[in-house]
Every structure is written in C-alpha cells, then in structure tokens.
C-alpha cells in the first residue's frame, strides 16, 4: 500500500513539474499608437488578424494575406511606409531588399 501511495505521489509531482508554464505572446507594455493600430487592424475585434513581421537592416516588413508592406527607418518618426509589394511573401520581399 505504501509503495502504491509513493508511486502515485511521485507521478503527481513529476506531472506538475513537467507541465510547462503557459506561454503568452502579449508584451508587458504596448505604446498607444501600436495599440490603436492593432485595434484598427482587427476592426475593433470583429475580424481575426494573421500577419508575420521581420526587420532587416533599416527596413521593417509586415506580411499579410494580400502582400508585404515595407517600411524604412526614419529617425524623426520611426518606421515610415516605403511601398506595398502585392502578392509577395515575407521571404521574397526580404530577399528583394538584401
């Protein structure tokens, strides 16, 4: 009986220790302009949003289903929209600017 109780206790302890903590992508803080942008992008939560993003050199790339928007870094405002590459993927757009 003690052996069975010990085995159950060890199994429970291993299960608790082996369970990874919940992982979240949300940052601790978000600048107001970014929060407003994300809210607008998802149409106040009425539309699910899927996008990928990457930065390379002085450019920032935002991929969405229609294509990739390319931003270039401007010291006065941050990243400024440079162009939209319709039908491009993130990898293809980054390759174009390498």
PDB file of N, CA and C in Angstrom:
ATOM      1  N   UNK A   1       0.828  -1.194   0.000  1.00  0.00           N
ATOM      2  CA  UNK A   1       0.000   0.000   0.000  1.00  0.00           C
ATOM      3  C   UNK A   1       0.876   1.263   0.000  1.00  0.00           C
ATOM      4  N   UNK A   2       1.918   1.264   0.831  1.00  0.00           N
ATOM      5  CA  UNK A   2       2.803   2.429   0.881  1.00  0.00           C
ATOM      6  C   UNK A   2       3.521   2.620  -0.454  1.00  0.00           C
ATOM      7  N   UNK A   3       3.923   1.527  -1.074  1.00  0.00           N
ATOM      8  CA  UNK A   3       4.602   1.608  -2.368  1.00  0.00           C
ATOM      9  C   UNK A   3       3.678   2.212  -3.420  1.00  0.00           C
ATOM     10  N   UNK A   4       2.430   1.827  -3.408  1.00  0.00           N
ATOM     11  CA  UNK A   4       1.452   2.356  -4.365  1.00  0.00           C
ATOM     12  C   UNK A   4       1.236   3.858  -4.111  1.00  0.00           C
ATOM     13  N   UNK A   5       1.105   4.256  -2.859  1.00  0.00           N
ATOM     14  CA  UNK A   5       0.927   5.661  -2.498  1.00  0.00           C
ATOM     15  C   UNK A   5       2.153   6.486  -2.899  1.00  0.00           C
ATOM     16  N   UNK A   6       3.341   5.935  -2.682  1.00  0.00           N
ATOM     17  CA  UNK A   6       4.574   6.608  -3.077  1.00  0.00           C
ATOM     18  C   UNK A   6       4.638   6.783  -4.600  1.00  0.00           C
ATOM     19  N   UNK A   7       4.256   5.753  -5.341  1.00  0.00           N
ATOM     20  CA  UNK A   7       4.270   5.821  -6.806  1.00  0.00           C
ATOM     21  C   UNK A   7       3.290   6.885  -7.305  1.00  0.00           C
ATOM     22  N   UNK A   8       2.103   6.953  -6.729  1.00  0.00           N
ATOM     23  CA  UNK A   8       1.107   7.964  -7.125  1.00  0.00           C
ATOM     24  C   UNK A   8       1.621   9.367  -6.804  1.00  0.00           C
ATOM     25  N   UNK A   9       2.230   9.535  -5.642  1.00  0.00           N
ATOM     26  CA  UNK A   9       2.775  10.839  -5.251  1.00  0.00           C
ATOM     27  C   UNK A   9       3.890  11.276  -6.199  1.00  0.00           C
ATOM     28  N   UNK A  10       4.795  10.362  -6.530  1.00  0.00           N
ATOM     29  CA  UNK A  10       5.876  10.682  -7.467  1.00  0.00           C
ATOM     30  C   UNK A  10       5.338  11.018  -8.847  1.00  0.00           C
ATOM     31  N   UNK A  11       4.352  10.263  -9.302  1.00  0.00           N
ATOM     32  CA  UNK A  11       3.745  10.525 -10.611  1.00  0.00           C
ATOM     33  C   UNK A  11       3.099  11.907 -10.633  1.00  0.00           C
ATOM     34  N   UNK A  12       2.390  12.255  -9.571  1.00  0.00           N
ATOM     35  CA  UNK A  12       1.755  13.576  -9.488  1.00  0.00           C
ATOM     36  C   UNK A  12       2.806  14.681  -9.471  1.00  0.00           C
ATOM     37  N   UNK A  13       3.878  14.489  -8.710  1.00  0.00           N
ATOM     38  CA  UNK A  13       4.937  15.502  -8.633  1.00  0.00           C
ATOM     39  C   UNK A  13       5.624  15.692  -9.978  1.00  0.00           C
ATOM     40  N   UNK A  14       5.906  14.596 -10.672  1.00  0.00           N
ATOM     41  CA  UNK A  14       6.546  14.681 -11.983  1.00  0.00           C
ATOM     42  C   UNK A  14       5.626  15.375 -12.984  1.00  0.00           C
ATOM     43  N   UNK A  15       4.339  15.092 -12.919  1.00  0.00           N
ATOM     44  CA  UNK A  15       3.378  15.718 -13.830  1.00  0.00           C
ATOM     45  C   UNK A  15       3.323  17.223 -13.596  1.00  0.00           C
ATOM     46  N   UNK A  16       3.292  17.648 -12.353  1.00  0.00           N
ATOM     47  CA  UNK A  16       3.246  19.077 -12.034  1.00  0.00           C
ATOM     48  C   UNK A  16       4.528  19.771 -12.478  1.00  0.00           C
ATOM     49  N   UNK A  17       5.672  19.167 -12.235  1.00  0.00           N
ATOM     50  CA  UNK A  17       6.960  19.761 -12.610  1.00  0.00           C
ATOM     51  C   UNK A  17       7.134  19.771 -14.121  1.00  0.00           C
ATOM     52  N   UNK A  18       6.661  18.736 -14.816  1.00  0.00           N
ATOM     53  CA  UNK A  18       6.860  18.617 -16.258  1.00  0.00           C
ATOM     54  C   UNK A  18       5.922  19.511 -17.053  1.00  0.00           C
ATOM     55  N   UNK A  19       4.845  20.002 -16.461  1.00  0.00           N
ATOM     56  CA  UNK A  19       3.909  20.852 -17.168  1.00  0.00           C
ATOM     57  C   UNK A  19       4.534  22.226 -17.371  1.00  0.00           C
ATOM     58  N   UNK A  20       4.723  22.630 -18.640  1.00  0.00           N
ATOM     59  CA  UNK A  20       5.353  23.935 -18.883  1.00  0.00           C
ATOM     60  C   UNK A  20       4.405  25.065 -18.501  1.00  0.00           C
ATOM     61  N   UNK A  21       4.945  26.189 -18.066  1.00  0.00           N
ATOM     62  CA  UNK A  21       4.090  27.329 -17.734  1.00  0.00           C
ATOM     63  C   UNK A  21       3.421  27.841 -19.006  1.00  0.00           C
ATOM     64  N   UNK A  22       2.235  28.423 -18.859  1.00  0.00           N
ATOM     65  CA  UNK A  22       1.526  28.931 -20.034  1.00  0.00           C
ATOM     66  C   UNK A  22       2.355  30.038 -20.674  1.00  0.00           C
ATOM     67  N   UNK A  23       2.474  29.978 -21.984  1.00  0.00           N
ATOM     68  CA  UNK A  23       3.292  30.928 -22.723  1.00  0.00           C
ATOM     69  C   UNK A  23       2.362  31.907 -23.433  1.00  0.00           C
ATOM     70  N   UNK A  24       2.655  33.167 -23.337  1.00  0.00           N
ATOM     71  CA  UNK A  24       1.847  34.181 -23.994  1.00  0.00           C
ATOM     72  C   UNK A  24       2.739  35.047 -24.873  1.00  0.00           C
ATOM     73  N   UNK A  25       2.181  35.522 -25.953  1.00  0.00           N
ATOM     74  CA  UNK A  25       2.929  36.383 -26.867  1.00  0.00           C
ATOM     75  C   UNK A  25       2.765  37.859 -26.530  1.00  0.00           C
ATOM     76  N   UNK A  26       1.790  38.170 -25.706  1.00  0.00           N
ATOM     77  CA  UNK A  26       1.497  39.569 -25.405  1.00  0.00           C
ATOM     78  C   UNK A  26       2.628  40.203 -24.600  1.00  0.00           C
ATOM     79  N   UNK A  27       3.102  41.378 -25.041  1.00  0.00           N
ATOM     80  CA  UNK A  27       4.162  42.066 -24.293  1.00  0.00           C
ATOM     81  C   UNK A  27       3.625  42.683 -23.008  1.00  0.00           C
ATOM     82  N   UNK A  28       4.516  43.042 -22.112  1.00  0.00           N
ATOM     83  CA  UNK A  28       4.131  43.653 -20.843  1.00  0.00           C
ATOM     84  C   UNK A  28       3.551  45.049 -21.058  1.00  0.00           C
ATOM     85  N   UNK A  29       4.124  45.804 -21.988  1.00  0.00           N
ATOM     86  CA  UNK A  29       3.618  47.142 -22.306  1.00  0.00           C
ATOM     87  C   UNK A  29       3.498  47.289 -23.819  1.00  0.00           C
ATOM     88  N   UNK A  30       2.582  48.143 -24.243  1.00  0.00           N
ATOM     89  CA  UNK A  30       2.379  48.437 -25.670  1.00  0.00           C
ATOM     90  C   UNK A  30       2.227  49.953 -25.808  1.00  0.00           C
ATOM     91  N   UNK A  31       3.008  50.588 -26.691  1.00  0.00           N
ATOM     92  CA  UNK A  31       2.829  52.027 -26.918  1.00  0.00           C
ATOM     93  C   UNK A  31       1.429  52.309 -27.474  1.00  0.00           C
ATOM     94  N   UNK A  32       0.853  53.444 -27.099  1.00  0.00           N
ATOM     95  CA  UNK A  32      -0.507  53.797 -27.515  1.00  0.00           C
ATOM     96  C   UNK A  32      -0.720  53.722 -29.031  1.00  0.00           C
ATOM     97  N   UNK A  33       0.186  54.281 -29.848  1.00  0.00           N
ATOM     98  CA  UNK A  33      -0.035  54.204 -31.300  1.00  0.00           C
ATOM     99  C   UNK A  33      -0.112  52.752 -31.803  1.00  0.00           C
ATOM    100  N   UNK A  34       0.695  51.868 -31.218  1.00  0.00           N
ATOM    101  CA  UNK A  34       0.672  50.465 -31.631  1.00  0.00           C
ATOM    102  C   UNK A  34      -0.650  49.808 -31.225  1.00  0.00           C
ATOM    103  N   UNK A  35      -1.137  50.123 -30.034  1.00  0.00           N
ATOM    104  CA  UNK A  35      -2.410  49.572 -29.575  1.00  0.00           C
ATOM    105  C   UNK A  35      -3.554  50.016 -30.498  1.00  0.00           C
ATOM    106  N   UNK A  36      -3.540  51.289 -30.878  1.00  0.00           N
ATOM    107  CA  UNK A  36      -4.588  51.795 -31.775  1.00  0.00           C
ATOM    108  C   UNK A  36      -4.483  51.148 -33.160  1.00  0.00           C
ATOM    109  N   UNK A  37      -3.256  50.934 -33.628  1.00  0.00           N
ATOM    110  CA  UNK A  37      -3.042  50.285 -34.916  1.00  0.00           C
ATOM    111  C   UNK A  37      -3.588  48.850 -34.900  1.00  0.00           C
ATOM    112  N   UNK A  38      -3.260  48.104 -33.858  1.00  0.00           N
ATOM    113  CA  UNK A  38      -3.737  46.722 -33.769  1.00  0.00           C
ATOM    114  C   UNK A  38      -5.246  46.666 -33.638  1.00  0.00           C
ATOM    115  N   UNK A  39      -5.818  47.595 -32.909  1.00  0.00           N
ATOM    116  CA  UNK A  39      -7.274  47.657 -32.771  1.00  0.00           C
ATOM    117  C   UNK A  39      -7.937  47.935 -34.119  1.00  0.00           C
ATOM    118  N   UNK A  40      -7.370  48.878 -34.857  1.00  0.00           N
ATOM    119  CA  UNK A  40      -7.902  49.211 -36.179  1.00  0.00           C
ATOM    120  C   UNK A  40      -7.717  48.045 -37.156  1.00  0.00           C
ATOM    121  N   UNK A  41      -6.570  47.388 -37.065  1.00  0.00           N
ATOM    122  CA  UNK A  41      -6.266  46.266 -37.948  1.00  0.00           C
ATOM    123  C   UNK A  41      -7.279  45.135 -37.783  1.00  0.00           C
ATOM    124  N   UNK A  42      -7.708  44.903 -36.554  1.00  0.00           N
ATOM    125  CA  UNK A  42      -8.677  43.831 -36.306  1.00  0.00           C
ATOM    126  C   UNK A  42     -10.120  44.331 -36.310  1.00  0.00           C
ATOM    127  N   UNK A  43     -10.314  45.547 -36.779  1.00  0.00           N
ATOM    128  CA  UNK A  43     -11.646  46.143 -36.862  1.00  0.00           C
ATOM    129  C   UNK A  43     -12.371  46.024 -35.518  1.00  0.00           C
ATOM    130  N   UNK A  44     -11.715  46.551 -34.486  1.00  0.00           N
ATOM    131  CA  UNK A  44     -12.228  46.556 -33.111  1.00  0.00           C
ATOM    132  C   UNK A  44     -12.571  45.153 -32.610  1.00  0.00           C
ATOM    133  N   UNK A  45     -11.807  44.158 -33.055  1.00  0.00           N
ATOM    134  CA  UNK A  45     -12.011  42.784 -32.589  1.00  0.00           C
ATOM    135  C   UNK A  45     -13.026  41.987 -33.385  1.00  0.00           C
ATOM    136  N   UNK A  46     -13.570  42.566 -34.443  1.00  0.00           N
ATOM    137  CA  UNK A  46     -14.573  41.869 -35.256  1.00  0.00           C
ATOM    138  C   UNK A  46     -13.961  41.003 -36.347  1.00  0.00           C
ATOM    139  N   UNK A  47     -12.666  41.129 -36.575  1.00  0.00           N
ATOM    140  CA  UNK A  47     -12.000  40.359 -37.623  1.00  0.00           C
ATOM    141  C   UNK A  47     -10.711  39.766 -37.067  1.00  0.00           C
ATOM    142  N   UNK A  48     -10.509  38.479 -37.311  1.00  0.00           N
ATOM    143  CA  UNK A  48      -9.265  37.847 -36.872  1.00  0.00           C
ATOM    144  C   UNK A  48      -8.138  38.306 -37.787  1.00  0.00           C
ATOM    145  N   UNK A  49      -6.999  38.603 -37.210  1.00  0.00           N
ATOM    146  CA  UNK A  49      -5.866  39.120 -37.961  1.00  0.00           C
ATOM    147  C   UNK A  49      -4.724  38.111 -37.947  1.00  0.00           C
ATOM    148  N   UNK A  50      -4.158  37.860 -39.124  1.00  0.00           N
ATOM    149  CA  UNK A  50      -2.996  36.996 -39.242  1.00  0.00           C
ATOM    150  C   UNK A  50      -1.934  37.751 -40.023  1.00  0.00           C
ATOM    151  N   UNK A  51      -0.762  37.889 -39.435  1.00  0.00           N
ATOM    152  CA  UNK A  51       0.328  38.563 -40.138  1.00  0.00           C
ATOM    153  C   UNK A  51       1.650  38.037 -39.620  1.00  0.00           C
ATOM    154  N   UNK A  52       2.692  38.283 -40.394  1.00  0.00           N
ATOM    155  CA  UNK A  52       4.061  37.969 -39.993  1.00  0.00           C
ATOM    156  C   UNK A  52       4.874  39.238 -40.175  1.00  0.00           C
ATOM    157  N   UNK A  53       5.906  39.389 -39.376  1.00  0.00           N
ATOM    158  CA  UNK A  53       6.733  40.587 -39.456  1.00  0.00           C
ATOM    159  C   UNK A  53       8.197  40.228 -39.244  1.00  0.00           C
ATOM    160  N   UNK A  54       9.057  41.044 -39.843  1.00  0.00           N
ATOM    161  CA  UNK A  54      10.501  40.860 -39.673  1.00  0.00           C
ATOM    162  C   UNK A  54      11.189  42.192 -39.922  1.00  0.00           C
ATOM    163  N   UNK A  55      12.368  42.338 -39.343  1.00  0.00           N
ATOM    164  CA  UNK A  55      13.180  43.533 -39.564  1.00  0.00           C
ATOM    165  C   UNK A  55      14.520  43.098 -40.121  1.00  0.00           C
ATOM    166  N   UNK A  56      15.039  43.906 -41.034  1.00  0.00           N
ATOM    167  CA  UNK A  56      16.331  43.618 -41.650  1.00  0.00           C
ATOM    168  C   UNK A  56      16.992  44.949 -41.978  1.00  0.00           C
ATOM    169  N   UNK A  57      18.145  45.196 -41.396  1.00  0.00           N
ATOM    170  CA  UNK A  57      18.827  46.473 -41.642  1.00  0.00           C
ATOM    171  C   UNK A  57      17.972  47.621 -41.149  1.00  0.00           C
ATOM    172  N   UNK A  58      17.683  48.574 -42.009  1.00  0.00           N
ATOM    173  CA  UNK A  58      16.842  49.716 -41.634  1.00  0.00           C
ATOM    174  C   UNK A  58      15.421  49.555 -42.138  1.00  0.00           C
ATOM    175  N   UNK A  59      15.038  48.345 -42.509  1.00  0.00           N
ATOM    176  CA  UNK A  59      13.685  48.105 -43.028  1.00  0.00           C
ATOM    177  C   UNK A  59      12.899  47.161 -42.124  1.00  0.00           C
ATOM    178  N   UNK A  60      11.591  47.369 -42.094  1.00  0.00           N
ATOM    179  CA  UNK A  60      10.657  46.527 -41.365  1.00  0.00           C
ATOM    180  C   UNK A  60       9.642  46.011 -42.371  1.00  0.00           C
ATOM    181  N   UNK A  61       9.354  44.707 -42.332  1.00  0.00           N
ATOM    182  CA  UNK A  61       8.457  44.075 -43.287  1.00  0.00           C
ATOM    183  C   UNK A  61       7.241  43.525 -42.548  1.00  0.00           C
ATOM    184  N   UNK A  62       6.044  43.836 -43.052  1.00  0.00           N
ATOM    185  CA  UNK A  62       4.804  43.357 -42.471  1.00  0.00           C
ATOM    186  C   UNK A  62       4.041  42.590 -43.547  1.00  0.00           C
ATOM    187  N   UNK A  63       3.962  41.252 -43.369  1.00  0.00           N
ATOM    188  CA  UNK A  63       3.275  40.415 -44.352  1.00  0.00           C
ATOM    189  C   UNK A  63       1.848  40.156 -43.902  1.00  0.00           C
ATOM    190  N   UNK A  64       0.925  40.310 -44.823  1.00  0.00           N
ATOM    191  CA  UNK A  64      -0.476  39.975 -44.609  1.00  0.00           C
ATOM    192  C   UNK A  64      -0.938  39.195 -45.834  1.00  0.00           C
ATOM    193  N   UNK A  65      -2.143  38.671 -45.855  1.00  0.00           N
ATOM    194  CA  UNK A  65      -2.564  37.842 -46.991  1.00  0.00           C
ATOM    195  C   UNK A  65      -2.435  38.508 -48.367  1.00  0.00           C
ATOM    196  N   UNK A  66      -2.583  39.814 -48.463  1.00  0.00           N
ATOM    197  CA  UNK A  66      -2.530  40.498 -49.758  1.00  0.00           C
ATOM    198  C   UNK A  66      -1.113  40.773 -50.248  1.00  0.00           C
ATOM    199  N   UNK A  67      -0.133  40.772 -49.358  1.00  0.00           N
ATOM    200  CA  UNK A  67       1.240  41.076 -49.757  1.00  0.00           C
ATOM    201  C   UNK A  67       2.050  41.569 -48.582  1.00  0.00           C
ATOM    202  N   UNK A  68       3.123  42.300 -48.885  1.00  0.00           N
ATOM    203  CA  UNK A  68       4.047  42.770 -47.841  1.00  0.00           C
ATOM    204  C   UNK A  68       4.188  44.288 -47.926  1.00  0.00           C
ATOM    205  N   UNK A  69       4.013  44.945 -46.780  1.00  0.00           N
ATOM    206  CA  UNK A  69       4.275  46.376 -46.686  1.00  0.00           C
ATOM    207  C   UNK A  69       5.697  46.542 -46.177  1.00  0.00           C
ATOM    208  N   UNK A  70       6.471  47.381 -46.854  1.00  0.00           N
ATOM    209  CA  UNK A  70       7.867  47.619 -46.489  1.00  0.00           C
ATOM    210  C   UNK A  70       7.958  49.015 -45.880  1.00  0.00           C
ATOM    211  N   UNK A  71       8.576  49.080 -44.708  1.00  0.00           N
ATOM    212  CA  UNK A  71       8.800  50.346 -44.018  1.00  0.00           C
ATOM    213  C   UNK A  71      10.300  50.586 -43.948  1.00  0.00           C
ATOM    214  N   UNK A  72      10.691  51.851 -44.008  1.00  0.00           N
ATOM    215  CA  UNK A  72      12.089  52.207 -43.848  1.00  0.00           C
ATOM    216  C   UNK A  72      12.222  53.079 -42.605  1.00  0.00           C
ATOM    217  N   UNK A  73      13.355  52.987 -41.918  1.00  0.00           N
ATOM    218  CA  UNK A  73      13.538  53.719 -40.665  1.00  0.00           C
ATOM    219  C   UNK A  73      13.837  55.184 -40.929  1.00  0.00           C
ATOM    220  N   UNK A  74      13.092  56.043 -40.252  1.00  0.00           N
ATOM    221  CA  UNK A  74      13.275  57.490 -40.309  1.00  0.00           C
ATOM    222  C   UNK A  74      13.458  57.951 -38.868  1.00  0.00           C
ATOM    223  N   UNK A  75      14.574  58.620 -38.560  1.00  0.00           N
ATOM    224  CA  UNK A  75      14.875  58.997 -37.179  1.00  0.00           C
ATOM    225  C   UNK A  75      13.831  59.915 -36.550  1.00  0.00           C
ATOM    226  N   UNK A  76      13.109  60.665 -37.344  1.00  0.00           N
ATOM    227  CA  UNK A  76      12.139  61.613 -36.776  1.00  0.00           C
ATOM    228  C   UNK A  76      10.829  60.949 -36.369  1.00  0.00           C
ATOM    229  N   UNK A  77      10.387  59.904 -37.093  1.00  0.00           N
ATOM    230  CA  UNK A  77       9.085  59.290 -36.792  1.00  0.00           C
ATOM    231  C   UNK A  77       9.150  57.796 -36.508  1.00  0.00           C
ATOM    232  N   UNK A  78      10.278  57.185 -36.686  1.00  0.00           N
ATOM    233  CA  UNK A  78      10.374  55.726 -36.550  1.00  0.00           C
ATOM    234  C   UNK A  78      10.319  55.098 -37.934  1.00  0.00           C
ATOM    235  N   UNK A  79       9.491  54.092 -38.106  1.00  0.00           N
ATOM    236  CA  UNK A  79       9.388  53.453 -39.418  1.00  0.00           C
ATOM    237  C   UNK A  79       8.297  54.125 -40.247  1.00  0.00           C
ATOM    238  N   UNK A  80       8.648  54.455 -41.478  1.00  0.00           N
ATOM    239  CA  UNK A  80       7.729  55.120 -42.412  1.00  0.00           C
ATOM    240  C   UNK A  80       7.474  54.183 -43.586  1.00  0.00           C
ATOM    241  N   UNK A  81       6.215  54.108 -44.027  1.00  0.00           N
ATOM    242  CA  UNK A  81       5.855  53.224 -45.134  1.00  0.00           C
ATOM    243  C   UNK A  81       6.614  53.621 -46.393  1.00  0.00           C
ATOM    244  N   UNK A  82       7.272  52.622 -46.993  1.00  0.00           N
ATOM    245  CA  UNK A  82       8.028  52.850 -48.228  1.00  0.00           C
ATOM    246  C   UNK A  82       7.231  52.376 -49.438  1.00  0.00           C
ATOM    247  N   UNK A  83       6.722  51.141 -49.376  1.00  0.00           N
ATOM    248  CA  UNK A  83       5.976  50.587 -50.505  1.00  0.00           C
ATOM    249  C   UNK A  83       5.162  49.378 -50.063  1.00  0.00           C
ATOM    250  N   UNK A  84       4.233  48.963 -50.911  1.00  0.00           N
ATOM    251  CA  UNK A  84       3.473  47.738 -50.701  1.00  0.00           C
ATOM    252  C   UNK A  84       3.757  46.814 -51.872  1.00  0.00           C
ATOM    253  N   UNK A  85       4.193  45.600 -51.578  1.00  0.00           N
ATOM    254  CA  UNK A  85       4.525  44.626 -52.615  1.00  0.00           C
ATOM    255  C   UNK A  85       3.390  43.599 -52.709  1.00  0.00           C
ATOM    256  N   UNK A  86       2.483  43.835 -53.631  1.00  0.00           N
ATOM    257  CA  UNK A  86       1.299  42.985 -53.772  1.00  0.00           C
ATOM    258  C   UNK A  86       1.701  41.567 -54.199  1.00  0.00           C
ATOM    259  N   UNK A  87       1.142  40.574 -53.490  1.00  0.00           N
ATOM    260  CA  UNK A  87       1.391  39.176 -53.825  1.00  0.00           C
ATOM    261  C   UNK A  87       2.723  38.625 -53.334  1.00  0.00           C
ATOM    262  N   UNK A  88       3.544  39.433 -52.684  1.00  0.00           N
ATOM    263  CA  UNK A  88       4.840  38.976 -52.174  1.00  0.00           C
ATOM    264  C   UNK A  88       4.672  38.234 -50.857  1.00  0.00           C
ATOM    265  N   UNK A  89       5.606  37.352 -50.567  1.00  0.00           N
ATOM    266  CA  UNK A  89       5.703  36.735 -49.250  1.00  0.00           C
ATOM    267  C   UNK A  89       6.790  37.474 -48.481  1.00  0.00           C
ATOM    268  N   UNK A  90       6.863  37.225 -47.190  1.00  0.00           N
ATOM    269  CA  UNK A  90       7.876  37.874 -46.366  1.00  0.00           C
ATOM    270  C   UNK A  90       9.287  37.532 -46.847  1.00  0.00           C
ATOM    271  N   UNK A  91       9.517  36.253 -47.129  1.00  0.00           N
ATOM    272  CA  UNK A  91      10.843  35.814 -47.577  1.00  0.00           C
ATOM    273  C   UNK A  91      11.224  36.464 -48.910  1.00  0.00           C
ATOM    274  N   UNK A  92      10.276  36.529 -49.832  1.00  0.00           N
ATOM    275  CA  UNK A  92      10.547  37.103 -51.149  1.00  0.00           C
ATOM    276  C   UNK A  92      10.838  38.611 -51.038  1.00  0.00           C
ATOM    277  N   UNK A  93      10.088  39.308 -50.188  1.00  0.00           N
ATOM    278  CA  UNK A  93      10.292  40.743 -50.011  1.00  0.00           C
ATOM    279  C   UNK A  93      11.648  41.028 -49.365  1.00  0.00           C
ATOM    280  N   UNK A  94      12.005  40.234 -48.362  1.00  0.00           N
ATOM    281  CA  UNK A  94      13.299  40.439 -47.704  1.00  0.00           C
ATOM    282  C   UNK A  94      14.447  40.146 -48.659  1.00  0.00           C
ATOM    283  N   UNK A  95      14.277  39.155 -49.503  1.00  0.00           N
ATOM    284  CA  UNK A  95      15.312  38.810 -50.480  1.00  0.00           C
ATOM    285  C   UNK A  95      15.510  39.956 -51.473  1.00  0.00           C
ATOM    286  N   UNK A  96      14.425  40.611 -51.840  1.00  0.00           N
ATOM    287  CA  UNK A  96      14.494  41.732 -52.779  1.00  0.00           C
ATOM    288  C   UNK A  96      15.316  42.892 -52.210  1.00  0.00           C
ATOM    289  N   UNK A  97      15.279  43.079 -50.899  1.00  0.00           N
ATOM    290  CA  UNK A  97      15.975  44.212 -50.276  1.00  0.00           C
ATOM    291  C   UNK A  97      17.316  43.846 -49.660  1.00  0.00           C
ATOM    292  N   UNK A  98      17.787  42.617 -49.833  1.00  0.00           N
ATOM    293  CA  UNK A  98      19.101  42.218 -49.289  1.00  0.00           C
ATOM    294  C   UNK A  98      20.211  42.841 -50.078  1.00  0.00           C
TER     295      UNK A  98
END
